[in-house]
Amino acid sequence: MPALRVLSGRKAVRVFGKLGWQVARQRGSHIILVKEGENVTLSIPDHKEVAKGTLRSLIRAAGITVDEFTRLL
């Protein structure tokens, strides 16, 4: 399993955007992403650094692998 880099919340939003996820809204310090055809929403914290466990959980919820995510960085 490849190591994840430390990313900001906004950088993570850009990577998910390349996969078709769109910003639905922002409430406080969390950015909510949605994708047509998916029942899942992604809630990404708008912090300077997103915890690696949180990022892995978001990647898993999006239905992709860590390899796919890191290739899009």
PDB file of N, CA and C in Angstrom:
ATOM      1  N   MET A   1       0.842  -1.175   0.000  1.00  0.00           N
ATOM      2  CA  MET A   1       0.000   0.000   0.000  1.00  0.00           C
ATOM      3  C   MET A   1       0.888   1.240   0.000  1.00  0.00           C
ATOM      4  N   PRO A   2       0.688   2.137  -0.937  1.00  0.00           N
ATOM      5  CA  PRO A   2       1.551   3.312  -1.021  1.00  0.00           C
ATOM      6  C   PRO A   2       1.288   4.295   0.121  1.00  0.00           C
ATOM      7  N   ALA A   3       2.327   5.020   0.450  1.00  0.00           N
ATOM      8  CA  ALA A   3       2.196   6.011   1.509  1.00  0.00           C
ATOM      9  C   ALA A   3       1.474   7.237   0.966  1.00  0.00           C
ATOM     10  N   LEU A   4       0.576   7.775   1.766  1.00  0.00           N
ATOM     11  CA  LEU A   4      -0.136   8.989   1.387  1.00  0.00           C
ATOM     12  C   LEU A   4       0.657  10.199   1.815  1.00  0.00           C
ATOM     13  N   ARG A   5       0.665  11.220   0.975  1.00  0.00           N
ATOM     14  CA  ARG A   5       1.293  12.484   1.334  1.00  0.00           C
ATOM     15  C   ARG A   5       0.328  13.279   2.191  1.00  0.00           C
ATOM     16  N   VAL A   6       0.877  14.192   2.950  1.00  0.00           N
ATOM     17  CA  VAL A   6       0.031  15.106   3.718  1.00  0.00           C
ATOM     18  C   VAL A   6      -0.512  16.154   2.750  1.00  0.00           C
ATOM     19  N   LEU A   7      -1.838  16.291   2.712  1.00  0.00           N
ATOM     20  CA  LEU A   7      -2.491  17.218   1.798  1.00  0.00           C
ATOM     21  C   LEU A   7      -3.361  18.188   2.568  1.00  0.00           C
ATOM     22  N   SER A   8      -3.590  19.335   1.973  1.00  0.00           N
ATOM     23  CA  SER A   8      -4.580  20.259   2.534  1.00  0.00           C
ATOM     24  C   SER A   8      -5.954  19.802   2.069  1.00  0.00           C
ATOM     25  N   GLY A   9      -6.980  20.282   2.724  1.00  0.00           N
ATOM     26  CA  GLY A   9      -8.337  19.936   2.336  1.00  0.00           C
ATOM     27  C   GLY A   9      -8.668  20.405   0.933  1.00  0.00           C
ATOM     28  N   ARG A  10      -8.200  21.593   0.587  1.00  0.00           N
ATOM     29  CA  ARG A  10      -8.494  22.132  -0.754  1.00  0.00           C
ATOM     30  C   ARG A  10      -7.797  21.339  -1.851  1.00  0.00           C
ATOM     31  N   LYS A  11      -6.591  20.849  -1.588  1.00  0.00           N
ATOM     32  CA  LYS A  11      -5.881  20.020  -2.566  1.00  0.00           C
ATOM     33  C   LYS A  11      -6.628  18.699  -2.758  1.00  0.00           C
ATOM     34  N   ALA A  12      -7.135  18.135  -1.669  1.00  0.00           N
ATOM     35  CA  ALA A  12      -7.910  16.899  -1.763  1.00  0.00           C
ATOM     36  C   ALA A  12      -9.180  17.125  -2.578  1.00  0.00           C
ATOM     37  N   VAL A  13      -9.828  18.278  -2.399  1.00  0.00           N
ATOM     38  CA  VAL A  13     -11.031  18.603  -3.167  1.00  0.00           C
ATOM     39  C   VAL A  13     -10.698  18.657  -4.657  1.00  0.00           C
ATOM     40  N   ARG A  14      -9.549  19.227  -5.012  1.00  0.00           N
ATOM     41  CA  ARG A  14      -9.145  19.298  -6.424  1.00  0.00           C
ATOM     42  C   ARG A  14      -8.935  17.914  -7.016  1.00  0.00           C
ATOM     43  N   VAL A  15      -8.327  17.012  -6.236  1.00  0.00           N
ATOM     44  CA  VAL A  15      -8.085  15.656  -6.741  1.00  0.00           C
ATOM     45  C   VAL A  15      -9.414  14.925  -6.940  1.00  0.00           C
ATOM     46  N   PHE A  16     -10.320  15.034  -5.967  1.00  0.00           N
ATOM     47  CA  PHE A  16     -11.628  14.399  -6.128  1.00  0.00           C
ATOM     48  C   PHE A  16     -12.400  15.036  -7.277  1.00  0.00           C
ATOM     49  N   GLY A  17     -12.175  16.309  -7.527  1.00  0.00           N
ATOM     50  CA  GLY A  17     -12.812  16.990  -8.656  1.00  0.00           C
ATOM     51  C   GLY A  17     -12.410  16.379  -9.986  1.00  0.00           C
ATOM     52  N   LYS A  18     -11.173  15.930 -10.086  1.00  0.00           N
ATOM     53  CA  LYS A  18     -10.715  15.265 -11.310  1.00  0.00           C
ATOM     54  C   LYS A  18     -11.451  13.948 -11.544  1.00  0.00           C
ATOM     55  N   LEU A  19     -12.007  13.388 -10.461  1.00  0.00           N
ATOM     56  CA  LEU A  19     -12.735  12.123 -10.557  1.00  0.00           C
ATOM     57  C   LEU A  19     -14.237  12.320 -10.751  1.00  0.00           C
ATOM     58  N   GLY A  20     -14.661  13.579 -10.905  1.00  0.00           N
ATOM     59  CA  GLY A  20     -16.064  13.842 -11.163  1.00  0.00           C
ATOM     60  C   GLY A  20     -16.866  14.313  -9.958  1.00  0.00           C
ATOM     61  N   TRP A  21     -16.233  14.444  -8.802  1.00  0.00           N
ATOM     62  CA  TRP A  21     -16.924  14.941  -7.616  1.00  0.00           C
ATOM     63  C   TRP A  21     -17.020  16.452  -7.705  1.00  0.00           C
ATOM     64  N   GLN A  22     -18.154  17.002  -7.281  1.00  0.00           N
ATOM     65  CA  GLN A  22     -18.378  18.441  -7.340  1.00  0.00           C
ATOM     66  C   GLN A  22     -18.720  18.978  -5.958  1.00  0.00           C
ATOM     67  N   VAL A  23     -18.309  20.225  -5.713  1.00  0.00           N
ATOM     68  CA  VAL A  23     -18.620  20.869  -4.440  1.00  0.00           C
ATOM     69  C   VAL A  23     -20.105  21.200  -4.420  1.00  0.00           C
ATOM     70  N   ALA A  24     -20.808  20.679  -3.419  1.00  0.00           N
ATOM     71  CA  ALA A  24     -22.236  20.956  -3.265  1.00  0.00           C
ATOM     72  C   ALA A  24     -22.441  22.165  -2.368  1.00  0.00           C
ATOM     73  N   ARG A  25     -21.666  22.216  -1.295  1.00  0.00           N
ATOM     74  CA  ARG A  25     -21.794  23.319  -0.342  1.00  0.00           C
ATOM     75  C   ARG A  25     -20.621  23.272   0.627  1.00  0.00           C
ATOM     76  N   GLN A  26     -20.505  24.325   1.406  1.00  0.00           N
ATOM     77  CA  GLN A  26     -19.515  24.355   2.478  1.00  0.00           C
ATOM     78  C   GLN A  26     -20.196  24.895   3.714  1.00  0.00           C
ATOM     79  N   ARG A  27     -20.048  24.198   4.787  1.00  0.00           N
ATOM     80  CA  ARG A  27     -20.626  24.636   6.050  1.00  0.00           C
ATOM     81  C   ARG A  27     -19.524  24.624   7.084  1.00  0.00           C
ATOM     82  N   GLY A  28     -19.168  25.792   7.558  1.00  0.00           N
ATOM     83  CA  GLY A  28     -18.072  25.867   8.523  1.00  0.00           C
ATOM     84  C   GLY A  28     -16.777  25.466   7.863  1.00  0.00           C
ATOM     85  N   SER A  29     -16.094  24.521   8.476  1.00  0.00           N
ATOM     86  CA  SER A  29     -14.790  24.131   7.962  1.00  0.00           C
ATOM     87  C   SER A  29     -14.834  22.826   7.185  1.00  0.00           C
ATOM     88  N   HIS A  30     -16.003  22.421   6.693  1.00  0.00           N
ATOM     89  CA  HIS A  30     -16.108  21.187   5.925  1.00  0.00           C
ATOM     90  C   HIS A  30     -16.701  21.467   4.554  1.00  0.00           C
ATOM     91  N   ILE A  31     -16.068  20.887   3.528  1.00  0.00           N
ATOM     92  CA  ILE A  31     -16.521  21.024   2.146  1.00  0.00           C
ATOM     93  C   ILE A  31     -17.232  19.721   1.776  1.00  0.00           C
ATOM     94  N   ILE A  32     -18.455  19.823   1.319  1.00  0.00           N
ATOM     95  CA  ILE A  32     -19.263  18.651   0.984  1.00  0.00           C
ATOM     96  C   ILE A  32     -19.218  18.434  -0.522  1.00  0.00           C
ATOM     97  N   LEU A  33     -18.822  17.229  -0.928  1.00  0.00           N
ATOM     98  CA  LEU A  33     -18.745  16.873  -2.343  1.00  0.00           C
ATOM     99  C   LEU A  33     -19.813  15.839  -2.678  1.00  0.00           C
ATOM    100  N   VAL A  34     -20.377  15.956  -3.870  1.00  0.00           N
ATOM    101  CA  VAL A  34     -21.354  14.989  -4.363  1.00  0.00           C
ATOM    102  C   VAL A  34     -20.962  14.572  -5.774  1.00  0.00           C
ATOM    103  N   LYS A  35     -21.474  13.417  -6.178  1.00  0.00           N
ATOM    104  CA  LYS A  35     -21.220  12.923  -7.532  1.00  0.00           C
ATOM    105  C   LYS A  35     -22.505  12.293  -8.045  1.00  0.00           C
ATOM    106  N   GLU A  36     -22.869  12.644  -9.255  1.00  0.00           N
ATOM    107  CA  GLU A  36     -24.091  12.107  -9.841  1.00  0.00           C
ATOM    108  C   GLU A  36     -23.980  10.594  -9.956  1.00  0.00           C
ATOM    109  N   GLY A  37     -25.031   9.914  -9.537  1.00  0.00           N
ATOM    110  CA  GLY A  37     -25.040   8.460  -9.590  1.00  0.00           C
ATOM    111  C   GLY A  37     -24.496   7.800  -8.340  1.00  0.00           C
ATOM    112  N   GLU A  38     -23.997   8.570  -7.393  1.00  0.00           N
ATOM    113  CA  GLU A  38     -23.455   8.034  -6.138  1.00  0.00           C
ATOM    114  C   GLU A  38     -24.386   8.397  -4.989  1.00  0.00           C
ATOM    115  N   ASN A  39     -24.578   7.472  -4.072  1.00  0.00           N
ATOM    116  CA  ASN A  39     -25.385   7.737  -2.888  1.00  0.00           C
ATOM    117  C   ASN A  39     -24.551   8.316  -1.753  1.00  0.00           C
ATOM    118  N   VAL A  40     -23.265   8.390  -1.941  1.00  0.00           N
ATOM    119  CA  VAL A  40     -22.339   8.828  -0.898  1.00  0.00           C
ATOM    120  C   VAL A  40     -22.012  10.305  -1.082  1.00  0.00           C
ATOM    121  N   THR A  41     -21.870  11.027   0.030  1.00  0.00           N
ATOM    122  CA  THR A  41     -21.317  12.376  -0.016  1.00  0.00           C
ATOM    123  C   THR A  41     -19.995  12.343   0.727  1.00  0.00           C
ATOM    124  N   LEU A  42     -19.061  13.142   0.286  1.00  0.00           N
ATOM    125  CA  LEU A  42     -17.756  13.228   0.939  1.00  0.00           C
ATOM    126  C   LEU A  42     -17.686  14.544   1.706  1.00  0.00           C
ATOM    127  N   SER A  43     -17.317  14.470   2.960  1.00  0.00           N
ATOM    128  CA  SER A  43     -17.174  15.653   3.798  1.00  0.00           C
ATOM    129  C   SER A  43     -15.687  15.841   4.098  1.00  0.00           C
ATOM    130  N   ILE A  44     -15.073  16.794   3.403  1.00  0.00           N
ATOM    131  CA  ILE A  44     -13.635  17.011   3.515  1.00  0.00           C
ATOM    132  C   ILE A  44     -13.370  18.213   4.413  1.00  0.00           C
ATOM    133  N   PRO A  45     -12.579  18.026   5.470  1.00  0.00           N
ATOM    134  CA  PRO A  45     -12.260  19.162   6.333  1.00  0.00           C
ATOM    135  C   PRO A  45     -11.373  20.164   5.600  1.00  0.00           C
ATOM    136  N   ASP A  46     -11.700  21.434   5.705  1.00  0.00           N
ATOM    137  CA  ASP A  46     -10.938  22.496   5.046  1.00  0.00           C
ATOM    138  C   ASP A  46      -9.818  22.949   5.988  1.00  0.00           C
ATOM    139  N   HIS A  47      -8.847  22.052   6.188  1.00  0.00           N
ATOM    140  CA  HIS A  47      -7.727  22.322   7.076  1.00  0.00           C
ATOM    141  C   HIS A  47      -6.438  22.356   6.271  1.00  0.00           C
ATOM    142  N   LYS A  48      -5.384  22.863   6.883  1.00  0.00           N
ATOM    143  CA  LYS A  48      -4.081  22.882   6.202  1.00  0.00           C
ATOM    144  C   LYS A  48      -3.563  21.472   5.988  1.00  0.00           C
ATOM    145  N   GLU A  49      -3.854  20.576   6.914  1.00  0.00           N
ATOM    146  CA  GLU A  49      -3.440  19.184   6.792  1.00  0.00           C
ATOM    147  C   GLU A  49      -4.605  18.278   7.143  1.00  0.00           C
ATOM    148  N   VAL A  50      -4.938  17.368   6.240  1.00  0.00           N
ATOM    149  CA  VAL A  50      -5.980  16.380   6.500  1.00  0.00           C
ATOM    150  C   VAL A  50      -5.278  15.133   7.029  1.00  0.00           C
ATOM    151  N   ALA A  51      -5.772  14.588   8.124  1.00  0.00           N
ATOM    152  CA  ALA A  51      -5.168  13.391   8.714  1.00  0.00           C
ATOM    153  C   ALA A  51      -5.173  12.245   7.700  1.00  0.00           C
ATOM    154  N   LYS A  52      -4.116  11.447   7.731  1.00  0.00           N
ATOM    155  CA  LYS A  52      -3.988  10.366   6.746  1.00  0.00           C
ATOM    156  C   LYS A  52      -5.115   9.353   6.867  1.00  0.00           C
ATOM    157  N   GLY A  53      -5.559   9.055   8.088  1.00  0.00           N
ATOM    158  CA  GLY A  53      -6.670   8.125   8.277  1.00  0.00           C
ATOM    159  C   GLY A  53      -7.964   8.670   7.697  1.00  0.00           C
ATOM    160  N   THR A  54      -8.186   9.957   7.866  1.00  0.00           N
ATOM    161  CA  THR A  54      -9.368  10.604   7.299  1.00  0.00           C
ATOM    162  C   THR A  54      -9.320  10.559   5.779  1.00  0.00           C
ATOM    163  N   LEU A  55      -8.156  10.826   5.227  1.00  0.00           N
ATOM    164  CA  LEU A  55      -8.001  10.806   3.771  1.00  0.00           C
ATOM    165  C   LEU A  55      -8.229   9.403   3.218  1.00  0.00           C
ATOM    166  N   ARG A  56      -7.695   8.394   3.882  1.00  0.00           N
ATOM    167  CA  ARG A  56      -7.919   7.011   3.446  1.00  0.00           C
ATOM    168  C   ARG A  56      -9.400   6.660   3.491  1.00  0.00           C
ATOM    169  N   SER A  57     -10.088   7.119   4.526  1.00  0.00           N
ATOM    170  CA  SER A  57     -11.514   6.861   4.649  1.00  0.00           C
ATOM    171  C   SER A  57     -12.289   7.518   3.514  1.00  0.00           C
ATOM    172  N   LEU A  58     -11.911   8.739   3.149  1.00  0.00           N
ATOM    173  CA  LEU A  58     -12.566   9.436   2.035  1.00  0.00           C
ATOM    174  C   LEU A  58     -12.314   8.712   0.716  1.00  0.00           C
ATOM    175  N   ILE A  59     -11.091   8.246   0.519  1.00  0.00           N
ATOM    176  CA  ILE A  59     -10.747   7.516  -0.706  1.00  0.00           C
ATOM    177  C   ILE A  59     -11.575   6.238  -0.806  1.00  0.00           C
ATOM    178  N   ARG A  60     -11.689   5.522   0.306  1.00  0.00           N
ATOM    179  CA  ARG A  60     -12.469   4.290   0.333  1.00  0.00           C
ATOM    180  C   ARG A  60     -13.948   4.578   0.060  1.00  0.00           C
ATOM    181  N   ALA A  61     -14.473   5.646   0.653  1.00  0.00           N
ATOM    182  CA  ALA A  61     -15.885   6.012   0.444  1.00  0.00           C
ATOM    183  C   ALA A  61     -16.154   6.399  -1.007  1.00  0.00           C
ATOM    184  N   ALA A  62     -15.147   6.970  -1.673  1.00  0.00           N
ATOM    185  CA  ALA A  62     -15.300   7.368  -3.071  1.00  0.00           C
ATOM    186  C   ALA A  62     -15.238   6.165  -4.015  1.00  0.00           C
ATOM    187  N   GLY A  63     -14.839   5.015  -3.484  1.00  0.00           N
ATOM    188  CA  GLY A  63     -14.810   3.804  -4.308  1.00  0.00           C
ATOM    189  C   GLY A  63     -13.581   3.688  -5.190  1.00  0.00           C
ATOM    190  N   ILE A  64     -12.482   4.304  -4.782  1.00  0.00           N
ATOM    191  CA  ILE A  64     -11.241   4.206  -5.550  1.00  0.00           C
ATOM    192  C   ILE A  64     -10.140   3.660  -4.644  1.00  0.00           C
ATOM    193  N   THR A  65      -9.002   3.376  -5.238  1.00  0.00           N
ATOM    194  CA  THR A  65      -7.868   2.893  -4.464  1.00  0.00           C
ATOM    195  C   THR A  65      -6.908   4.051  -4.179  1.00  0.00           C
ATOM    196  N   VAL A  66      -6.029   3.815  -3.229  1.00  0.00           N
ATOM    197  CA  VAL A  66      -5.019   4.820  -2.889  1.00  0.00           C
ATOM    198  C   VAL A  66      -4.106   5.059  -4.087  1.00  0.00           C
ATOM    199  N   ASP A  67      -3.814   4.006  -4.846  1.00  0.00           N
ATOM    200  CA  ASP A  67      -2.978   4.145  -6.048  1.00  0.00           C
ATOM    201  C   ASP A  67      -3.604   5.115  -7.049  1.00  0.00           C
ATOM    202  N   GLU A  68      -4.886   4.950  -7.305  1.00  0.00           N
ATOM    203  CA  GLU A  68      -5.579   5.845  -8.237  1.00  0.00           C
ATOM    204  C   GLU A  68      -5.535   7.278  -7.754  1.00  0.00           C
ATOM    205  N   PHE A  69      -5.735   7.462  -6.451  1.00  0.00           N
ATOM    206  CA  PHE A  69      -5.731   8.807  -5.871  1.00  0.00           C
ATOM    207  C   PHE A  69      -4.355   9.454  -6.008  1.00  0.00           C
ATOM    208  N   THR A  70      -3.296   8.700  -5.689  1.00  0.00           N
ATOM    209  CA  THR A  70      -1.959   9.272  -5.735  1.00  0.00           C
ATOM    210  C   THR A  70      -1.511   9.568  -7.171  1.00  0.00           C
ATOM    211  N   ARG A  71      -2.015   8.805  -8.144  1.00  0.00           N
ATOM    212  CA  ARG A  71      -1.678   9.094  -9.542  1.00  0.00           C
ATOM    213  C   ARG A  71      -2.237  10.434  -9.992  1.00  0.00           C
ATOM    214  N   LEU A  72      -3.358  10.845  -9.424  1.00  0.00           N
ATOM    215  CA  LEU A  72      -3.989  12.095  -9.810  1.00  0.00           C
ATOM    216  C   LEU A  72      -3.361  13.303  -9.119  1.00  0.00           C
ATOM    217  N   LEU A  73      -2.502  13.073  -8.135  1.00  0.00           N
ATOM    218  CA  LEU A  73      -1.829  14.195  -7.459  1.00  0.00           C
ATOM    219  C   LEU A  73      -0.907  14.828  -8.390  1.00  0.00           C
TER     220      LEU A  73
END
